[in-house]
Protein backbone atom coordinates (compact mmCIF):
# COMPACT_ATOMS: atom_id res chain seq x y z
CA UNK A 1 88.88 4.68 64.02
CA UNK A 2 87.91 7.69 66.07
CA UNK A 3 84.15 8.13 66.34
CA UNK A 4 82.69 11.62 66.44
CA UNK A 5 78.96 11.79 67.00
CA UNK A 6 76.94 14.64 65.54
CA UNK A 7 73.75 15.44 67.42
CA UNK A 8 70.82 17.72 66.66
CA UNK A 9 69.16 19.63 69.47
CA UNK A 10 66.55 21.37 67.32
CA UNK A 11 63.08 20.36 68.42
CA UNK A 12 61.68 20.71 64.91
CA UNK A 13 64.60 19.09 63.10
CA UNK A 14 63.41 16.37 60.76
CA UNK A 15 66.71 15.27 59.24
CA UNK A 16 70.29 14.99 60.35
CA UNK A 17 72.62 17.51 58.72
CA UNK A 18 76.34 17.08 58.03
CA UNK A 19 78.68 19.07 60.22
CA UNK A 20 80.78 21.73 58.53
CA UNK A 21 83.07 24.39 60.00
CA UNK A 22 81.17 27.26 61.58
CA UNK A 23 81.48 30.70 60.09
CA UNK A 24 84.64 32.54 61.03
CA UNK A 25 84.33 35.54 63.32
CA UNK A 26 86.63 38.45 64.03
CA UNK A 27 88.07 38.85 67.54
CA UNK A 28 85.48 40.14 69.96
CA UNK A 29 85.39 42.40 72.97
CA UNK A 30 86.17 40.88 76.40
CA UNK A 31 83.04 40.77 78.53
CA UNK A 32 82.14 39.09 81.82
CA UNK A 33 84.30 36.41 83.41
CA UNK A 34 82.60 33.24 84.68
CA UNK A 35 84.36 30.98 87.17
CA UNK A 36 83.69 28.37 89.84
CA UNK A 37 84.20 28.82 93.56
CA UNK A 38 83.23 26.12 96.03
CA UNK A 39 81.12 24.28 93.45
CA UNK A 40 79.01 27.29 92.47
CA UNK A 41 79.07 29.61 89.49
CA UNK A 42 80.30 33.16 90.00
CA UNK A 43 80.28 35.92 87.39
CA UNK A 44 82.56 38.94 87.45
CA UNK A 45 80.69 41.49 85.38
CA UNK A 46 82.67 43.88 83.22
CA UNK A 47 81.65 46.77 85.46
CA UNK A 48 83.60 45.24 88.34
CA UNK A 49 80.94 43.59 90.52
CA UNK A 50 81.24 39.86 91.27
CA UNK A 51 78.02 37.89 91.74
CA UNK A 52 77.26 34.36 92.92
CA UNK A 53 75.00 33.06 90.16
CA UNK A 54 74.04 29.63 91.56
CA UNK A 55 73.55 27.89 94.89
CA UNK A 56 73.56 24.27 95.97
CA UNK A 57 76.92 23.30 94.50
CA UNK A 58 77.80 20.72 91.86
CA UNK A 59 78.63 23.23 89.11
CA UNK A 60 81.75 23.00 86.92
CA UNK A 61 83.28 24.42 83.75
CA UNK A 62 81.11 27.34 82.54
CA UNK A 63 81.47 28.18 78.84
CA UNK A 64 80.00 31.37 77.40
CA UNK A 65 78.01 31.20 74.16
CA UNK A 66 79.67 33.66 71.74
CA UNK A 67 78.24 37.17 71.60
CA UNK A 68 75.50 36.43 74.14
CA UNK A 69 74.73 35.76 77.79
CA UNK A 70 74.07 32.11 76.95
CA UNK A 71 76.18 29.52 78.70
CA UNK A 72 76.94 25.82 78.82
CA UNK A 73 77.89 24.41 82.22
CA UNK A 74 78.25 21.10 84.01
CA UNK A 75 75.88 20.36 86.87
CA UNK A 76 76.56 17.18 88.88
CA UNK A 77 78.65 15.91 85.98
CA UNK A 78 76.10 16.48 83.20
CA UNK A 79 75.95 19.21 80.58
CA UNK A 80 73.28 21.91 80.72
CA UNK A 81 72.67 25.06 78.72
CA UNK A 82 71.02 28.24 79.88
CA UNK A 83 71.84 31.89 80.32
CA UNK A 84 73.16 34.38 82.81
CA UNK A 85 70.92 37.33 83.61
CA UNK A 86 72.43 40.70 84.44
CA UNK A 87 68.99 41.64 85.82
CA UNK A 88 68.99 39.22 88.77
CA UNK A 89 72.66 38.17 88.44
CA UNK A 90 71.73 34.49 88.32
CA UNK A 91 72.18 31.56 85.95
CA UNK A 92 68.95 30.10 84.58
CA UNK A 93 69.24 26.56 83.18
CA UNK A 94 66.90 25.76 80.29
CA UNK A 95 67.97 22.40 78.88
CA UNK A 96 69.86 19.28 79.98
CA UNK A 97 72.02 17.90 77.18
CA UNK A 98 73.58 14.76 78.69
CA UNK A 99 73.05 12.16 81.38
CA UNK A 100 75.51 9.76 82.96
CA UNK A 101 77.93 12.26 84.52
CA UNK A 102 80.85 11.52 82.18
CA UNK A 103 81.22 14.84 80.35
CA UNK A 104 83.96 17.43 80.09
CA UNK A 105 83.92 21.18 79.54
CA UNK A 106 82.05 22.00 76.33
CA UNK A 107 82.98 24.38 73.49
CA UNK A 108 80.68 26.55 71.37
CA UNK A 109 81.16 27.00 67.66
CA UNK A 110 82.06 30.57 66.67
CA UNK A 111 78.51 31.28 65.47
CA UNK A 112 77.04 29.89 68.69
CA UNK A 113 74.82 27.40 66.86
CA UNK A 114 76.74 24.23 67.79
CA UNK A 115 78.13 22.86 71.02
CA UNK A 116 80.93 20.28 71.13
CA UNK A 117 81.61 18.12 74.17
CA UNK A 118 83.42 14.90 75.06
CA UNK A 119 81.54 12.15 76.86
CA UNK A 120 82.89 8.87 78.16
CA UNK A 121 85.94 7.87 80.14
CA UNK A 122 89.64 8.33 79.44
CA UNK A 123 89.26 8.15 75.64
CA UNK A 124 85.82 9.71 75.15
CA UNK A 125 83.59 10.24 72.15
CA UNK A 126 83.21 13.81 70.93
CA UNK A 127 79.65 14.94 70.26
CA UNK A 128 78.41 18.02 68.43
CA UNK A 129 74.93 19.25 69.34
CA UNK A 130 73.24 21.57 66.86
CA UNK A 131 70.95 24.28 68.22
CA UNK A 132 70.52 26.75 65.41
CA UNK A 133 69.89 30.48 65.87
CA UNK A 134 67.05 29.93 68.33
CA UNK A 135 66.86 31.56 71.74
CA UNK A 136 67.03 29.28 74.79
CA UNK A 137 63.63 30.50 76.01
CA UNK A 138 61.95 29.50 72.75
CA UNK A 139 63.66 26.16 72.36
CA UNK A 140 62.41 24.07 75.25
CA UNK A 141 63.43 20.46 75.86
CA UNK A 142 64.87 18.34 73.09
CA UNK A 143 66.40 14.92 72.56
CA UNK A 144 69.91 14.71 71.15
CA UNK A 145 69.97 12.37 68.16
CA UNK A 146 73.33 11.11 66.93
CA UNK A 147 75.03 9.75 63.86
CA UNK A 148 78.54 8.32 63.80
CA UNK A 149 81.20 9.94 61.65
CA UNK A 150 84.55 8.23 61.04
CA UNK A 151 87.71 10.31 61.31
CA UNK A 152 91.22 9.29 60.42
CA UNK A 153 94.75 10.43 61.05
CA UNK A 154 96.11 13.17 58.86
CA UNK A 155 98.76 11.96 56.37
CA UNK A 156 101.55 13.48 58.49
CA UNK A 157 100.26 11.88 61.69
CA UNK A 158 99.80 8.54 59.93
CA UNK A 159 103.42 8.56 58.79
CA UNK A 160 104.51 9.12 62.38
CA UNK A 161 102.20 6.39 63.66
CA UNK A 162 103.52 3.89 61.13
CA UNK A 163 107.07 4.39 62.36
CA UNK A 164 106.30 4.08 66.08
CA UNK A 165 105.61 0.88 68.02
CA UNK A 166 102.09 0.50 69.27
CA UNK A 167 101.76 1.08 73.00
CA UNK A 168 101.80 -1.87 75.37
CA UNK A 169 98.43 -3.42 76.05
CA UNK A 170 99.47 -4.25 79.60
CA UNK A 171 98.24 -2.33 82.60
CA UNK A 172 100.33 0.79 83.19
CA UNK A 173 101.29 1.37 86.80
CA UNK A 174 99.45 4.40 88.16
CA UNK A 175 101.32 7.26 89.76
CA UNK A 176 100.70 8.06 93.40
CA UNK A 177 97.42 9.95 93.85
CA UNK A 178 99.15 13.16 94.97
CA UNK A 179 101.67 13.38 92.12
CA UNK A 180 99.66 14.23 88.99
CA UNK A 181 97.35 17.24 88.98
CA UNK A 182 93.61 16.60 88.73
CA UNK A 183 93.67 18.34 85.33
CA UNK A 184 95.03 15.07 83.95
CA UNK A 185 91.47 13.73 83.96
CA UNK A 186 89.90 16.70 82.17
CA UNK A 187 87.75 15.95 79.10
CA UNK A 188 87.57 19.63 78.07
CA UNK A 189 87.32 20.40 74.36
CA UNK A 190 87.89 23.64 72.42
CA UNK A 191 86.59 25.00 69.10
CA UNK A 192 88.82 27.36 67.13
CA UNK A 193 87.33 30.81 66.45
CA UNK A 194 87.74 30.31 62.70
CA UNK A 195 85.53 27.23 62.97
CA UNK A 196 88.04 24.79 61.49
CA UNK A 197 89.33 22.74 64.44
CA UNK A 198 87.98 21.02 67.53
CA UNK A 199 90.66 20.03 70.05
CA UNK A 200 90.07 17.13 72.44
CA UNK A 201 91.98 14.53 74.52
CA UNK A 202 92.97 11.01 73.47
CA UNK A 203 91.71 10.55 69.93
CA UNK A 204 93.32 8.44 67.21
CA UNK A 205 96.70 9.13 68.81
CA UNK A 206 95.59 7.06 71.81
CA UNK A 207 96.37 3.93 69.78
CA UNK A 208 100.06 4.83 69.93
CA UNK A 209 100.49 6.94 73.07
CA UNK A 210 99.28 6.68 76.67
CA UNK A 211 98.01 10.24 76.73
CA UNK A 212 97.65 12.79 73.94
CA UNK A 213 95.88 15.87 72.65
CA UNK A 214 94.61 16.12 69.10
CA UNK A 215 92.61 18.38 66.79
CA UNK A 216 89.93 17.37 64.30
CA UNK A 217 90.13 19.34 61.07
CA UNK A 218 86.45 19.77 60.21
CA UNK A 219 87.25 20.37 56.54
CA UNK A 220 88.84 16.94 56.10
CA UNK A 221 87.81 14.98 59.22
CA UNK A 222 91.45 14.17 59.87
CA UNK A 223 93.18 14.36 63.22
CA UNK A 224 96.28 16.46 63.83
CA UNK A 225 98.42 15.66 66.86
CA UNK A 226 99.28 18.46 69.27
CA UNK A 227 101.07 16.73 72.16
CA UNK A 228 101.64 13.08 73.12
CA UNK A 229 103.18 11.18 76.04
CA UNK A 230 104.04 7.61 76.98
CA UNK A 231 103.48 4.64 74.71
CA UNK A 232 105.39 4.24 71.48
CA UNK A 233 108.57 6.23 71.17
CA UNK A 234 107.85 9.07 73.62
CA UNK A 235 110.54 10.33 76.00
CA UNK A 236 108.06 11.76 78.50
CA UNK A 237 105.08 10.53 80.46
CA UNK A 238 102.44 13.15 81.15
CA UNK A 239 99.23 14.70 79.93
CA UNK A 240 97.97 17.57 77.79
CA UNK A 241 94.42 18.71 78.52
CA UNK A 242 92.14 21.79 78.68
CA UNK A 243 92.83 23.13 75.17
CA UNK A 244 92.04 26.67 74.05
CA UNK A 245 92.61 28.69 70.88
CA UNK A 246 93.74 32.28 70.51
CA UNK A 247 91.24 34.74 69.04
CA UNK A 248 92.95 34.70 65.63
CA UNK A 249 93.02 30.86 65.61
CA UNK A 250 96.75 30.78 64.90
CA UNK A 251 97.79 29.18 68.20
CA UNK A 252 96.48 26.48 70.49
CA UNK A 253 97.15 26.43 74.24
CA UNK A 254 96.83 23.59 76.71
CA UNK A 255 97.60 22.49 80.27
CA UNK A 256 100.54 20.10 80.63
CA UNK A 257 102.49 18.14 83.21
CA UNK A 258 105.30 15.71 82.41
CA UNK A 259 107.82 13.24 83.82
CA UNK A 260 110.94 11.84 82.06
CA UNK A 261 110.55 8.17 81.21
CA UNK A 262 114.17 7.07 81.17
CA UNK A 263 115.92 8.97 83.96
CA UNK A 264 117.16 7.15 87.06
CA UNK A 265 115.09 9.32 89.41
CA UNK A 266 112.39 10.96 87.28
CA UNK A 267 110.60 13.94 88.79
CA UNK A 268 107.15 15.16 87.83
CA UNK A 269 107.14 18.73 86.57
CA UNK A 270 104.98 21.54 87.87
CA UNK A 271 101.74 21.95 85.99
CA UNK A 272 102.07 24.66 83.35
CA UNK A 273 100.59 26.13 80.17
CA UNK A 274 101.93 25.39 76.70
CA UNK A 275 101.29 27.08 73.36
CA UNK A 276 102.01 26.15 69.75
CA UNK A 277 101.18 27.19 66.22
CA UNK A 278 98.14 25.37 64.88
CA UNK A 279 100.00 24.80 61.63
CA UNK A 280 103.03 23.23 63.39
CA UNK A 281 102.03 22.08 66.89
CA UNK A 282 104.95 19.70 67.48
CA UNK A 283 107.62 22.03 66.12
CA UNK A 284 106.64 25.31 67.77
CA UNK A 285 105.86 24.54 71.41
CA UNK A 286 106.63 27.12 74.08
CA UNK A 287 105.58 27.67 77.68
CA UNK A 288 103.22 30.52 78.52
CA UNK A 289 103.64 32.23 81.87
CA UNK A 290 105.28 30.49 84.82
CA UNK A 291 105.07 27.08 86.45
CA UNK A 292 101.88 26.53 88.40
CA UNK A 293 99.61 28.40 85.95
CA UNK A 294 97.10 26.35 83.99
CA UNK A 295 93.70 26.32 82.27
CA UNK A 296 94.59 29.26 80.02
CA UNK A 297 91.78 31.20 78.31
CA UNK A 298 93.07 33.71 75.74
CA UNK A 299 91.51 37.17 75.55
CA UNK A 300 88.64 37.40 73.05
CA UNK A 301 90.28 40.61 71.81
CA UNK A 302 93.49 38.86 70.79
CA UNK A 303 96.99 39.80 71.87
CA UNK A 304 99.05 38.00 74.51
CA UNK A 305 96.66 38.34 77.48
CA UNK A 306 95.24 35.14 78.98
CA UNK A 307 93.30 34.20 82.06
CA UNK A 308 94.86 31.38 84.08
CA UNK A 309 94.29 29.55 87.33
CA UNK A 310 97.13 29.44 89.84
CA UNK A 311 97.67 28.95 93.54
CA UNK A 312 97.77 31.96 95.85
CA UNK A 313 98.43 31.17 99.52
CA UNK A 314 97.43 27.56 98.75
CA UNK A 315 94.07 28.65 97.31
CA UNK A 316 93.09 28.60 93.63
CA UNK A 317 92.76 32.05 92.06
CA UNK A 318 91.93 33.32 88.60
CA UNK A 319 94.67 35.62 87.35
CA UNK A 320 95.31 37.71 84.24
CA UNK A 321 98.64 37.02 82.56
CA UNK A 322 100.03 39.56 80.05
CA UNK A 323 103.60 38.79 79.09
CA UNK A 324 105.64 38.79 82.30
CA UNK A 325 102.91 40.50 84.36
CA UNK A 326 100.39 38.57 86.46
CA UNK A 327 97.41 40.26 88.11
CA UNK A 328 95.34 38.35 90.68
CA UNK A 329 91.62 38.76 90.00
CA UNK A 330 89.21 36.38 91.78
CA UNK A 331 89.37 33.45 94.14
CA UNK A 332 88.16 30.54 92.01
CA UNK A 333 88.97 28.26 89.09
CA UNK A 334 87.56 26.79 85.83
CA UNK A 335 87.12 30.25 84.35
CA UNK A 336 85.88 31.46 80.96
CA UNK A 337 85.92 34.86 79.26
CA UNK A 338 82.80 36.12 77.51
CA UNK A 339 83.24 37.37 73.95
CA UNK A 340 81.03 40.28 72.91
CA UNK A 341 80.71 42.10 69.55
């Protein structure tokens, strides 16, 4: 069974509390854009100025806390929380959440009181850290305590799993290092704005497939499959990582790359962004944008605008995609879009 650990980060917490879906929020107003360039955090403020917010390198995957200047970010592979100051245009870390350097991009609950992250290797454990409505400056250091919560496949996913052969337990030959994009190894998670789902890589579906993306339904603790490759019954090898939800929580997006399993000379596809209805992820998949665009972050205001990373003159850039129009914004990658009231 999939194990999901629920942690409390409240200093004064005396008992562990069950996790329930966070309160739903309406779409917000797009604010600052955070991204990484050369291992440091940069922030493009809504007024137009772009500031380098850290020095020293080792930073990855910034994630804004909803309706605030708070932020979760990886530093040397571990998860930290802190805040960005528009006064000195710098990021100020206040608390280290993990150790061991095996963590992916985190995801805040819609109310900003919980932080989900995946820790481990290829099939990680998902943790939820509870902060509560306490400011970072007042919270101080804390120890994350955990309890284990069993999840199970949804009835629909279980019916599919029962019909498919289990994947081979033998060692799968690895592709050449230059063929698959580095996003294949991402452990990024996403939390839907309505609070119901957390999306993550390689959950219960990993028992059947070689690589997959699933969603935990926090109302039932069942897993819904979004995309799956290799293993039992799949026609494609590949990966689906870096999930994100639209502001109205009706669609999930992810980064994907595939290769046919049964062709005589199979070719690996370009990395690209996919989208599907949350209510029917396998039956409603469609590509967003063009080949080469990935790590989509939908606008907090809703609509069809997303931020993506793509190559420009062989350098990674953050771009804004609206329908068929792409606008280059900033040299960088691993971006996130602040949501304000």
